[in-house]
PDB file of all heavy atoms in Angstrom:
ATOM      1  N   THR A   1       0.821  -1.213   0.000  1.00  0.00           N
ATOM      2  CA  THR A   1       0.000   0.000   0.000  1.00  0.00           C
ATOM      3  C   THR A   1       0.850   1.256   0.000  1.00  0.00           C
ATOM      4  O   THR A   1       0.493   2.266  -0.618  1.00  0.00           O
ATOM      5  CB  THR A   1      -0.934   0.006   1.224  1.00  0.00           C
ATOM      6  OG1 THR A   1      -1.618  -1.245   1.297  1.00  0.00           O
ATOM      7  CG2 THR A   1      -1.944   1.128   1.137  1.00  0.00           C
ATOM      8  N   TRP A   2       1.966   1.221   0.706  1.00  0.00           N
ATOM      9  CA  TRP A   2       2.851   2.383   0.736  1.00  0.00           C
ATOM     10  C   TRP A   2       3.338   2.718  -0.677  1.00  0.00           C
ATOM     11  O   TRP A   2       3.308   3.876  -1.105  1.00  0.00           O
ATOM     12  CB  TRP A   2       4.027   2.093   1.658  1.00  0.00           C
ATOM     13  CG  TRP A   2       5.009   3.219   1.794  1.00  0.00           C
ATOM     14  CD1 TRP A   2       4.742   4.560   1.710  1.00  0.00           C
ATOM     15  CD2 TRP A   2       6.416   3.106   2.038  1.00  0.00           C
ATOM     16  NE1 TRP A   2       5.902   5.285   1.895  1.00  0.00           N
ATOM     17  CE2 TRP A   2       6.934   4.424   2.099  1.00  0.00           C
ATOM     18  CE3 TRP A   2       7.276   2.039   2.228  1.00  0.00           C
ATOM     19  CZ2 TRP A   2       8.290   4.672   2.330  1.00  0.00           C
ATOM     20  CZ3 TRP A   2       8.618   2.293   2.463  1.00  0.00           C
ATOM     21  CH2 TRP A   2       9.116   3.587   2.508  1.00  0.00           C
ATOM     22  N   ALA A   3       3.768   1.701  -1.432  1.00  0.00           N
ATOM     23  CA  ALA A   3       4.252   1.937  -2.791  1.00  0.00           C
ATOM     24  C   ALA A   3       3.142   2.406  -3.716  1.00  0.00           C
ATOM     25  O   ALA A   3       3.402   3.114  -4.697  1.00  0.00           O
ATOM     26  CB  ALA A   3       4.886   0.659  -3.336  1.00  0.00           C
ATOM     27  N   LEU A   4       1.909   2.031  -3.412  1.00  0.00           N
ATOM     28  CA  LEU A   4       0.782   2.489  -4.224  1.00  0.00           C
ATOM     29  C   LEU A   4       0.423   3.940  -3.919  1.00  0.00           C
ATOM     30  O   LEU A   4      -0.210   4.613  -4.729  1.00  0.00           O
ATOM     31  CB  LEU A   4      -0.438   1.591  -3.981  1.00  0.00           C
ATOM     32  CG  LEU A   4      -0.307   0.144  -4.482  1.00  0.00           C
ATOM     33  CD1 LEU A   4      -1.456  -0.702  -3.968  1.00  0.00           C
ATOM     34  CD2 LEU A   4      -0.234   0.106  -6.002  1.00  0.00           C
ATOM     35  N   ARG A   5       0.846   4.444  -2.758  1.00  0.00           N
ATOM     36  CA  ARG A   5       0.537   5.821  -2.347  1.00  0.00           C
ATOM     37  C   ARG A   5       1.657   6.794  -2.683  1.00  0.00           C
ATOM     38  O   ARG A   5       1.406   7.958  -2.966  1.00  0.00           O
ATOM     39  CB  ARG A   5       0.259   5.859  -0.843  1.00  0.00           C
ATOM     40  CG  ARG A   5      -1.034   5.185  -0.428  1.00  0.00           C
ATOM     41  CD  ARG A   5      -1.062   4.958   1.081  1.00  0.00           C
ATOM     42  NE  ARG A   5      -0.939   6.177   1.833  1.00  0.00           N
ATOM     43  CZ  ARG A   5      -1.935   6.798   2.473  1.00  0.00           C
ATOM     44  NH1 ARG A   5      -3.164   6.305   2.402  1.00  0.00           N
ATOM     45  NH2 ARG A   5      -1.740   7.890   3.158  1.00  0.00           N
ATOM     46  N   GLU A   6       2.900   6.331  -2.573  1.00  0.00           N
ATOM     47  CA  GLU A   6       4.052   7.184  -2.842  1.00  0.00           C
ATOM     48  C   GLU A   6       4.917   6.526  -3.901  1.00  0.00           C
ATOM     49  O   GLU A   6       4.809   5.330  -4.162  1.00  0.00           O
ATOM     50  CB  GLU A   6       4.885   7.391  -1.569  1.00  0.00           C
ATOM     51  CG  GLU A   6       4.250   8.287  -0.534  1.00  0.00           C
ATOM     52  CD  GLU A   6       5.274   8.759   0.485  1.00  0.00           C
ATOM     53  OE1 GLU A   6       5.953   9.772   0.216  1.00  0.00           O
ATOM     54  OE2 GLU A   6       5.386   8.126   1.549  1.00  0.00           O
ATOM     55  N   SER A   7       5.811   7.291  -4.468  1.00  0.00           N
ATOM     56  CA  SER A   7       6.751   6.741  -5.441  1.00  0.00           C
ATOM     57  C   SER A   7       8.145   7.246  -5.110  1.00  0.00           C
ATOM     58  O   SER A   7       8.310   8.218  -4.373  1.00  0.00           O
ATOM     59  CB  SER A   7       6.373   7.155  -6.868  1.00  0.00           C
ATOM     60  OG  SER A   7       6.401   8.572  -7.006  1.00  0.00           O
ATOM     61  N   GLY A   8       9.125   6.573  -5.634  1.00  0.00           N
ATOM     62  CA  GLY A   8      10.500   6.987  -5.392  1.00  0.00           C
ATOM     63  C   GLY A   8      11.385   5.784  -5.157  1.00  0.00           C
ATOM     64  O   GLY A   8      10.919   4.679  -4.859  1.00  0.00           O
ATOM     65  N   PRO A   9      12.710   5.966  -5.269  1.00  0.00           N
ATOM     66  CA  PRO A   9      13.652   4.841  -5.141  1.00  0.00           C
ATOM     67  C   PRO A   9      13.673   4.220  -3.750  1.00  0.00           C
ATOM     68  O   PRO A   9      14.052   3.065  -3.598  1.00  0.00           O
ATOM     69  CB  PRO A   9      15.004   5.474  -5.492  1.00  0.00           C
ATOM     70  CG  PRO A   9      14.819   6.944  -5.236  1.00  0.00           C
ATOM     71  CD  PRO A   9      13.397   7.242  -5.554  1.00  0.00           C
ATOM     72  N   ASP A  10      13.305   4.975  -2.722  1.00  0.00           N
ATOM     73  CA  ASP A  10      13.346   4.459  -1.352  1.00  0.00           C
ATOM     74  C   ASP A  10      11.976   4.042  -0.854  1.00  0.00           C
ATOM     75  O   ASP A  10      11.781   3.835   0.352  1.00  0.00           O
ATOM     76  CB  ASP A  10      13.917   5.527  -0.410  1.00  0.00           C
ATOM     77  CG  ASP A  10      15.339   5.920  -0.781  1.00  0.00           C
ATOM     78  OD1 ASP A  10      16.087   5.020  -1.216  1.00  0.00           O
ATOM     79  OD2 ASP A  10      15.692   7.098  -0.653  1.00  0.00           O
ATOM     80  N   VAL A  11      11.015   3.923  -1.736  1.00  0.00           N
ATOM     81  CA  VAL A  11       9.644   3.609  -1.354  1.00  0.00           C
ATOM     82  C   VAL A  11       9.281   2.212  -1.868  1.00  0.00           C
ATOM     83  O   VAL A  11       9.609   1.864  -2.997  1.00  0.00           O
ATOM     84  CB  VAL A  11       8.661   4.657  -1.924  1.00  0.00           C
ATOM     85  CG1 VAL A  11       7.224   4.219  -1.688  1.00  0.00           C
ATOM     86  CG2 VAL A  11       8.917   6.023  -1.297  1.00  0.00           C
ATOM     87  N   GLY A  12       8.607   1.456  -1.041  1.00  0.00           N
ATOM     88  CA  GLY A  12       8.104   0.161  -1.470  1.00  0.00           C
ATOM     89  C   GLY A  12       8.849  -0.996  -0.853  1.00  0.00           C
ATOM     90  O   GLY A  12      10.090  -1.019  -0.837  1.00  0.00           O
ATOM     91  N   ARG A  13       8.084  -1.971  -0.348  1.00  0.00           N
ATOM     92  CA  ARG A  13       8.669  -3.101   0.362  1.00  0.00           C
ATOM     93  C   ARG A  13       8.473  -4.433  -0.357  1.00  0.00           C
ATOM     94  O   ARG A  13       9.014  -5.454   0.073  1.00  0.00           O
ATOM     95  CB  ARG A  13       8.066  -3.170   1.772  1.00  0.00           C
ATOM     96  CG  ARG A  13       8.307  -1.890   2.583  1.00  0.00           C
ATOM     97  CD  ARG A  13       7.408  -1.796   3.788  1.00  0.00           C
ATOM     98  NE  ARG A  13       6.015  -1.624   3.393  1.00  0.00           N
ATOM     99  CZ  ARG A  13       5.004  -1.554   4.267  1.00  0.00           C
ATOM    100  NH1 ARG A  13       5.238  -1.633   5.560  1.00  0.00           N
ATOM    101  NH2 ARG A  13       3.770  -1.409   3.834  1.00  0.00           N
ATOM    102  N   ASP A  14       7.715  -4.445  -1.443  1.00  0.00           N
ATOM    103  CA  ASP A  14       7.464  -5.693  -2.161  1.00  0.00           C
ATOM    104  C   ASP A  14       8.744  -6.408  -2.602  1.00  0.00           C
ATOM    105  O   ASP A  14       8.834  -7.642  -2.497  1.00  0.00           O
ATOM    106  CB  ASP A  14       6.579  -5.447  -3.380  1.00  0.00           C
ATOM    107  CG  ASP A  14       5.127  -5.170  -3.017  1.00  0.00           C
ATOM    108  OD1 ASP A  14       4.711  -5.549  -1.904  1.00  0.00           O
ATOM    109  OD2 ASP A  14       4.401  -4.590  -3.848  1.00  0.00           O
ATOM    110  N   PRO A  15       9.759  -5.697  -3.135  1.00  0.00           N
ATOM    111  CA  PRO A  15      10.954  -6.406  -3.613  1.00  0.00           C
ATOM    112  C   PRO A  15      11.674  -7.211  -2.534  1.00  0.00           C
ATOM    113  O   PRO A  15      12.469  -8.100  -2.853  1.00  0.00           O
ATOM    114  CB  PRO A  15      11.842  -5.273  -4.147  1.00  0.00           C
ATOM    115  CG  PRO A  15      10.881  -4.193  -4.516  1.00  0.00           C
ATOM    116  CD  PRO A  15       9.818  -4.253  -3.456  1.00  0.00           C
ATOM    117  N   SER A  16      11.416  -6.897  -1.261  1.00  0.00           N
ATOM    118  CA  SER A  16      12.044  -7.628  -0.157  1.00  0.00           C
ATOM    119  C   SER A  16      11.126  -8.682   0.440  1.00  0.00           C
ATOM    120  O   SER A  16      11.498  -9.332   1.423  1.00  0.00           O
ATOM    121  CB  SER A  16      12.468  -6.643   0.937  1.00  0.00           C
ATOM    122  OG  SER A  16      13.382  -5.700   0.433  1.00  0.00           O
ATOM    123  N   ARG A  17       9.952  -8.861  -0.144  1.00  0.00           N
ATOM    124  CA  ARG A  17       8.967  -9.783   0.426  1.00  0.00           C
ATOM    125  C   ARG A  17       8.560 -10.885  -0.556  1.00  0.00           C
ATOM    126  O   ARG A  17       7.546 -11.542  -0.371  1.00  0.00           O
ATOM    127  CB  ARG A  17       7.717  -8.998   0.845  1.00  0.00           C
ATOM    128  CG  ARG A  17       7.985  -7.959   1.922  1.00  0.00           C
ATOM    129  CD  ARG A  17       6.737  -7.146   2.224  1.00  0.00           C
ATOM    130  NE  ARG A  17       6.926  -6.259   3.364  1.00  0.00           N
ATOM    131  CZ  ARG A  17       5.965  -5.515   3.908  1.00  0.00           C
ATOM    132  NH1 ARG A  17       4.740  -5.538   3.385  1.00  0.00           N
ATOM    133  NH2 ARG A  17       6.217  -4.749   4.946  1.00  0.00           N
ATOM    134  N   THR A  18       9.337 -11.081  -1.589  1.00  0.00           N
ATOM    135  CA  THR A  18       8.968 -12.053  -2.615  1.00  0.00           C
ATOM    136  C   THR A  18       9.122 -13.478  -2.088  1.00  0.00           C
ATOM    137  O   THR A  18       9.815 -13.719  -1.097  1.00  0.00           O
ATOM    138  CB  THR A  18       9.818 -11.852  -3.879  1.00  0.00           C
ATOM    139  OG1 THR A  18      11.207 -11.977  -3.534  1.00  0.00           O
ATOM    140  CG2 THR A  18       9.567 -10.480  -4.476  1.00  0.00           C
ATOM    141  N   PRO A  19       8.474 -14.452  -2.741  1.00  0.00           N
ATOM    142  CA  PRO A  19       8.454 -15.819  -2.215  1.00  0.00           C
ATOM    143  C   PRO A  19       9.825 -16.474  -2.076  1.00  0.00           C
ATOM    144  O   PRO A  19      10.734 -16.240  -2.877  1.00  0.00           O
ATOM    145  CB  PRO A  19       7.604 -16.567  -3.244  1.00  0.00           C
ATOM    146  CG  PRO A  19       6.690 -15.526  -3.801  1.00  0.00           C
ATOM    147  CD  PRO A  19       7.549 -14.289  -3.875  1.00  0.00           C
ATOM    148  N   MET A  20       9.928 -17.318  -1.061  1.00  0.00           N
ATOM    149  CA  MET A  20      11.102 -18.171  -0.899  1.00  0.00           C
ATOM    150  C   MET A  20      11.169 -19.129  -2.083  1.00  0.00           C
ATOM    151  O   MET A  20      10.134 -19.585  -2.582  1.00  0.00           O
ATOM    152  CB  MET A  20      11.004 -18.952   0.405  1.00  0.00           C
ATOM    153  CG  MET A  20      12.200 -19.828   0.719  1.00  0.00           C
ATOM    154  SD  MET A  20      13.718 -18.863   0.902  1.00  0.00           S
ATOM    155  CE  MET A  20      14.856 -20.155   1.404  1.00  0.00           C
ATOM    156  N   GLN A  21      12.383 -19.425  -2.522  1.00  0.00           N
ATOM    157  CA  GLN A  21      12.582 -20.240  -3.712  1.00  0.00           C
ATOM    158  C   GLN A  21      13.188 -21.581  -3.304  1.00  0.00           C
ATOM    159  O   GLN A  21      14.329 -21.653  -2.860  1.00  0.00           O
ATOM    160  CB  GLN A  21      13.430 -19.465  -4.710  1.00  0.00           C
ATOM    161  CG  GLN A  21      12.728 -18.176  -5.137  1.00  0.00           C
ATOM    162  CD  GLN A  21      13.508 -17.228  -6.002  1.00  0.00           C
ATOM    163  OE1 GLN A  21      13.000 -16.177  -6.424  1.00  0.00           O
ATOM    164  NE2 GLN A  21      14.751 -17.554  -6.308  1.00  0.00           N
ATOM    165  N   TRP A  22      12.393 -22.637  -3.472  1.00  0.00           N
ATOM    166  CA  TRP A  22      12.759 -23.949  -2.949  1.00  0.00           C
ATOM    167  C   TRP A  22      13.344 -24.889  -3.996  1.00  0.00           C
ATOM    168  O   TRP A  22      14.203 -25.706  -3.685  1.00  0.00           O
ATOM    169  CB  TRP A  22      11.530 -24.602  -2.311  1.00  0.00           C
ATOM    170  CG  TRP A  22      11.004 -23.826  -1.145  1.00  0.00           C
ATOM    171  CD1 TRP A  22       9.903 -23.016  -1.121  1.00  0.00           C
ATOM    172  CD2 TRP A  22      11.575 -23.773   0.165  1.00  0.00           C
ATOM    173  NE1 TRP A  22       9.747 -22.469   0.131  1.00  0.00           N
ATOM    174  CE2 TRP A  22      10.761 -22.920   0.940  1.00  0.00           C
ATOM    175  CE3 TRP A  22      12.681 -24.370   0.764  1.00  0.00           C
ATOM    176  CZ2 TRP A  22      11.012 -22.642   2.281  1.00  0.00           C
ATOM    177  CZ3 TRP A  22      12.943 -24.102   2.099  1.00  0.00           C
ATOM    178  CH2 TRP A  22      12.123 -23.246   2.840  1.00  0.00           C
ATOM    179  N   ASP A  23      12.841 -24.837  -5.230  1.00  0.00           N
ATOM    180  CA  ASP A  23      13.358 -25.749  -6.249  1.00  0.00           C
ATOM    181  C   ASP A  23      13.247 -25.105  -7.631  1.00  0.00           C
ATOM    182  O   ASP A  23      12.846 -23.942  -7.753  1.00  0.00           O
ATOM    183  CB  ASP A  23      12.644 -27.105  -6.199  1.00  0.00           C
ATOM    184  CG  ASP A  23      11.144 -27.023  -6.456  1.00  0.00           C
ATOM    185  OD1 ASP A  23      10.728 -26.210  -7.299  1.00  0.00           O
ATOM    186  OD2 ASP A  23      10.390 -27.775  -5.819  1.00  0.00           O
ATOM    187  N   GLU A  24      13.593 -25.863  -8.666  1.00  0.00           N
ATOM    188  CA  GLU A  24      13.657 -25.315 -10.019  1.00  0.00           C
ATOM    189  C   GLU A  24      12.346 -25.432 -10.772  1.00  0.00           C
ATOM    190  O   GLU A  24      12.294 -25.198 -11.987  1.00  0.00           O
ATOM    191  CB  GLU A  24      14.800 -25.966 -10.806  1.00  0.00           C
ATOM    192  CG  GLU A  24      14.787 -27.472 -10.844  1.00  0.00           C
ATOM    193  CD  GLU A  24      15.551 -28.119  -9.693  1.00  0.00           C
ATOM    194  OE1 GLU A  24      15.171 -27.930  -8.529  1.00  0.00           O
ATOM    195  OE2 GLU A  24      16.527 -28.838  -9.981  1.00  0.00           O
ATOM    196  N   GLY A  25      11.274 -25.766 -10.096  1.00  0.00           N
ATOM    197  CA  GLY A  25       9.964 -25.874 -10.729  1.00  0.00           C
ATOM    198  C   GLY A  25       9.435 -24.529 -11.207  1.00  0.00           C
ATOM    199  O   GLY A  25      10.029 -23.477 -10.928  1.00  0.00           O
ATOM    200  N   PRO A  26       8.297 -24.517 -11.904  1.00  0.00           N
ATOM    201  CA  PRO A  26       7.780 -23.277 -12.492  1.00  0.00           C
ATOM    202  C   PRO A  26       7.477 -22.188 -11.470  1.00  0.00           C
ATOM    203  O   PRO A  26       7.591 -21.009 -11.789  1.00  0.00           O
ATOM    204  CB  PRO A  26       6.503 -23.734 -13.217  1.00  0.00           C
ATOM    205  CG  PRO A  26       6.181 -25.076 -12.650  1.00  0.00           C
ATOM    206  CD  PRO A  26       7.484 -25.690 -12.251  1.00  0.00           C
ATOM    207  N   PHE A  27       7.105 -22.583 -10.259  1.00  0.00           N
ATOM    208  CA  PHE A  27       6.840 -21.593  -9.210  1.00  0.00           C
ATOM    209  C   PHE A  27       7.780 -21.796  -8.026  1.00  0.00           C
ATOM    210  O   PHE A  27       7.444 -21.491  -6.887  1.00  0.00           O
ATOM    211  CB  PHE A  27       5.372 -21.637  -8.787  1.00  0.00           C
ATOM    212  CG  PHE A  27       4.415 -21.400  -9.929  1.00  0.00           C
ATOM    213  CD1 PHE A  27       3.492 -22.365 -10.302  1.00  0.00           C
ATOM    214  CD2 PHE A  27       4.482 -20.219 -10.657  1.00  0.00           C
ATOM    215  CE1 PHE A  27       2.637 -22.151 -11.362  1.00  0.00           C
ATOM    216  CE2 PHE A  27       3.626 -19.997 -11.727  1.00  0.00           C
ATOM    217  CZ  PHE A  27       2.707 -20.964 -12.091  1.00  0.00           C
ATOM    218  N   ALA A  28       8.950 -22.321  -8.329  1.00  0.00           N
ATOM    219  CA  ALA A  28      10.058 -22.460  -7.375  1.00  0.00           C
ATOM    220  C   ALA A  28       9.710 -23.278  -6.140  1.00  0.00           C
ATOM    221  O   ALA A  28      10.342 -23.120  -5.098  1.00  0.00           O
ATOM    222  CB  ALA A  28      10.579 -21.078  -6.967  1.00  0.00           C
ATOM    223  N   GLY A  29       8.713 -24.158  -6.243  1.00  0.00           N
ATOM    224  CA  GLY A  29       8.348 -24.982  -5.102  1.00  0.00           C
ATOM    225  C   GLY A  29       7.600 -24.243  -4.020  1.00  0.00           C
ATOM    226  O   GLY A  29       7.207 -24.836  -3.010  1.00  0.00           O
ATOM    227  N   PHE A  30       7.369 -22.944  -4.237  1.00  0.00           N
ATOM    228  CA  PHE A  30       6.618 -22.161  -3.255  1.00  0.00           C
ATOM    229  C   PHE A  30       5.128 -22.490  -3.338  1.00  0.00           C
ATOM    230  O   PHE A  30       4.433 -22.565  -2.325  1.00  0.00           O
ATOM    231  CB  PHE A  30       6.840 -20.666  -3.494  1.00  0.00           C
ATOM    232  CG  PHE A  30       5.892 -19.777  -2.722  1.00  0.00           C
ATOM    233  CD1 PHE A  30       6.052 -19.583  -1.362  1.00  0.00           C
ATOM    234  CD2 PHE A  30       4.827 -19.138  -3.360  1.00  0.00           C
ATOM    235  CE1 PHE A  30       5.169 -18.784  -0.645  1.00  0.00           C
ATOM    236  CE2 PHE A  30       3.946 -18.342  -2.653  1.00  0.00           C
ATOM    237  CZ  PHE A  30       4.125 -18.163  -1.297  1.00  0.00           C
ATOM    238  N   SER A  31       4.634 -22.691  -4.542  1.00  0.00           N
ATOM    239  CA  SER A  31       3.212 -22.926  -4.766  1.00  0.00           C
ATOM    240  C   SER A  31       3.047 -23.678  -6.085  1.00  0.00           C
ATOM    241  O   SER A  31       3.989 -23.789  -6.877  1.00  0.00           O
ATOM    242  CB  SER A  31       2.461 -21.583  -4.823  1.00  0.00           C
ATOM    243  OG  SER A  31       1.078 -21.769  -5.065  1.00  0.00           O
ATOM    244  N   ASP A  32       1.840 -24.179  -6.303  1.00  0.00           N
ATOM    245  CA  ASP A  32       1.512 -24.800  -7.593  1.00  0.00           C
ATOM    246  C   ASP A  32       0.783 -23.830  -8.515  1.00  0.00           C
ATOM    247  O   ASP A  32       0.278 -24.235  -9.571  1.00  0.00           O
ATOM    248  CB  ASP A  32       0.653 -26.051  -7.374  1.00  0.00           C
ATOM    249  CG  ASP A  32       1.456 -27.210  -6.825  1.00  0.00           C
ATOM    250  OD1 ASP A  32       2.682 -27.231  -7.042  1.00  0.00           O
ATOM    251  OD2 ASP A  32       0.875 -28.080  -6.151  1.00  0.00           O
ATOM    252  N   ARG A  33       0.715 -22.573  -8.108  1.00  0.00           N
ATOM    253  CA  ARG A  33       0.119 -21.546  -8.959  1.00  0.00           C
ATOM    254  C   ARG A  33       0.933 -20.270  -8.840  1.00  0.00           C
ATOM    255  O   ARG A  33       1.866 -20.173  -8.031  1.00  0.00           O
ATOM    256  CB  ARG A  33      -1.346 -21.290  -8.585  1.00  0.00           C
ATOM    257  CG  ARG A  33      -1.549 -20.848  -7.140  1.00  0.00           C
ATOM    258  CD  ARG A  33      -2.898 -20.213  -6.930  1.00  0.00           C
ATOM    259  NE  ARG A  33      -2.968 -18.913  -7.602  1.00  0.00           N
ATOM    260  CZ  ARG A  33      -4.057 -18.135  -7.589  1.00  0.00           C
ATOM    261  NH1 ARG A  33      -5.154 -18.552  -6.986  1.00  0.00           N
ATOM    262  NH2 ARG A  33      -4.050 -16.972  -8.194  1.00  0.00           N
ATOM    263  N   GLU A  34       0.617 -19.294  -9.657  1.00  0.00           N
ATOM    264  CA  GLU A  34       1.352 -18.022  -9.668  1.00  0.00           C
ATOM    265  C   GLU A  34       1.348 -17.402  -8.275  1.00  0.00           C
ATOM    266  O   GLU A  34       0.297 -17.156  -7.695  1.00  0.00           O
ATOM    267  CB  GLU A  34       0.713 -17.055 -10.655  1.00  0.00           C
ATOM    268  CG  GLU A  34       1.467 -15.752 -10.844  1.00  0.00           C
ATOM    269  CD  GLU A  34       2.747 -15.915 -11.649  1.00  0.00           C
ATOM    270  OE1 GLU A  34       2.813 -16.822 -12.512  1.00  0.00           O
ATOM    271  OE2 GLU A  34       3.685 -15.143 -11.414  1.00  0.00           O
ATOM    272  N   PRO A  35       2.534 -17.129  -7.692  1.00  0.00           N
ATOM    273  CA  PRO A  35       2.586 -16.546  -6.343  1.00  0.00           C
ATOM    274  C   PRO A  35       2.086 -15.103  -6.325  1.00  0.00           C
ATOM    275  O   PRO A  35       2.002 -14.426  -7.353  1.00  0.00           O
ATOM    276  CB  PRO A  35       4.072 -16.603  -6.006  1.00  0.00           C
ATOM    277  CG  PRO A  35       4.665 -17.590  -6.941  1.00  0.00           C
ATOM    278  CD  PRO A  35       3.855 -17.472  -8.202  1.00  0.00           C
ATOM    279  N   TRP A  36       1.789 -14.647  -5.131  1.00  0.00           N
ATOM    280  CA  TRP A  36       1.246 -13.295  -4.948  1.00  0.00           C
ATOM    281  C   TRP A  36       2.231 -12.213  -5.361  1.00  0.00           C
ATOM    282  O   TRP A  36       1.820 -11.123  -5.744  1.00  0.00           O
ATOM    283  CB  TRP A  36       0.787 -13.121  -3.504  1.00  0.00           C
ATOM    284  CG  TRP A  36       1.884 -12.937  -2.497  1.00  0.00           C
ATOM    285  CD1 TRP A  36       2.741 -13.887  -2.029  1.00  0.00           C
ATOM    286  CD2 TRP A  36       2.231 -11.724  -1.816  1.00  0.00           C
ATOM    287  NE1 TRP A  36       3.614 -13.347  -1.108  1.00  0.00           N
ATOM    288  CE2 TRP A  36       3.307 -12.018  -0.950  1.00  0.00           C
ATOM    289  CE3 TRP A  36       1.735 -10.422  -1.850  1.00  0.00           C
ATOM    290  CZ2 TRP A  36       3.899 -11.059  -0.133  1.00  0.00           C
ATOM    291  CZ3 TRP A  36       2.313  -9.465  -1.032  1.00  0.00           C
ATOM    292  CH2 TRP A  36       3.389  -9.786  -0.190  1.00  0.00           C
ATOM    293  N   LEU A  37       3.536 -12.495  -5.310  1.00  0.00           N
ATOM    294  CA  LEU A  37       4.574 -11.601  -5.818  1.00  0.00           C
ATOM    295  C   LEU A  37       5.497 -12.408  -6.728  1.00  0.00           C
ATOM    296  O   LEU A  37       5.565 -13.637  -6.627  1.00  0.00           O
ATOM    297  CB  LEU A  37       5.381 -10.991  -4.664  1.00  0.00           C
ATOM    298  CG  LEU A  37       4.744  -9.833  -3.887  1.00  0.00           C
ATOM    299  CD1 LEU A  37       5.642  -9.423  -2.730  1.00  0.00           C
ATOM    300  CD2 LEU A  37       4.453  -8.630  -4.782  1.00  0.00           C
ATOM    301  N   PRO A  38       6.223 -11.735  -7.622  1.00  0.00           N
ATOM    302  CA  PRO A  38       7.074 -12.458  -8.575  1.00  0.00           C
ATOM    303  C   PRO A  38       8.241 -13.177  -7.904  1.00  0.00           C
ATOM    304  O   PRO A  38       8.659 -12.844  -6.784  1.00  0.00           O
ATOM    305  CB  PRO A  38       7.588 -11.353  -9.498  1.00  0.00           C
ATOM    306  CG  PRO A  38       6.752 -10.152  -9.232  1.00  0.00           C
ATOM    307  CD  PRO A  38       6.253 -10.282  -7.835  1.00  0.00           C
ATOM    308  N   LEU A  39       8.786 -14.129  -8.611  1.00  0.00           N
ATOM    309  CA  LEU A  39      10.023 -14.795  -8.231  1.00  0.00           C
ATOM    310  C   LEU A  39      11.198 -14.054  -8.861  1.00  0.00           C
ATOM    311  O   LEU A  39      11.019 -13.225  -9.754  1.00  0.00           O
ATOM    312  CB  LEU A  39      10.004 -16.241  -8.723  1.00  0.00           C
ATOM    313  CG  LEU A  39       8.856 -17.110  -8.196  1.00  0.00           C
ATOM    314  CD1 LEU A  39       8.727 -18.369  -9.041  1.00  0.00           C
ATOM    315  CD2 LEU A  39       9.074 -17.445  -6.738  1.00  0.00           C
ATOM    316  N   SER A  40      12.406 -14.343  -8.394  1.00  0.00           N
ATOM    317  CA  SER A  40      13.572 -13.712  -9.015  1.00  0.00           C
ATOM    318  C   SER A  40      13.769 -14.280 -10.415  1.00  0.00           C
ATOM    319  O   SER A  40      13.433 -15.445 -10.681  1.00  0.00           O
ATOM    320  CB  SER A  40      14.819 -13.944  -8.160  1.00  0.00           C
ATOM    321  OG  SER A  40      15.257 -15.280  -8.273  1.00  0.00           O
TER     322      SER A  40
END
């Protein structure tokens, strides 16, 4: 929500909250469907 309200290089926490990556599968073993945030 913060990134949706403000903009700038120091704004937004999503890039630090992306899913843990467990294996080489299509969704990195985190889920069997598209995760709520992107994978690396």
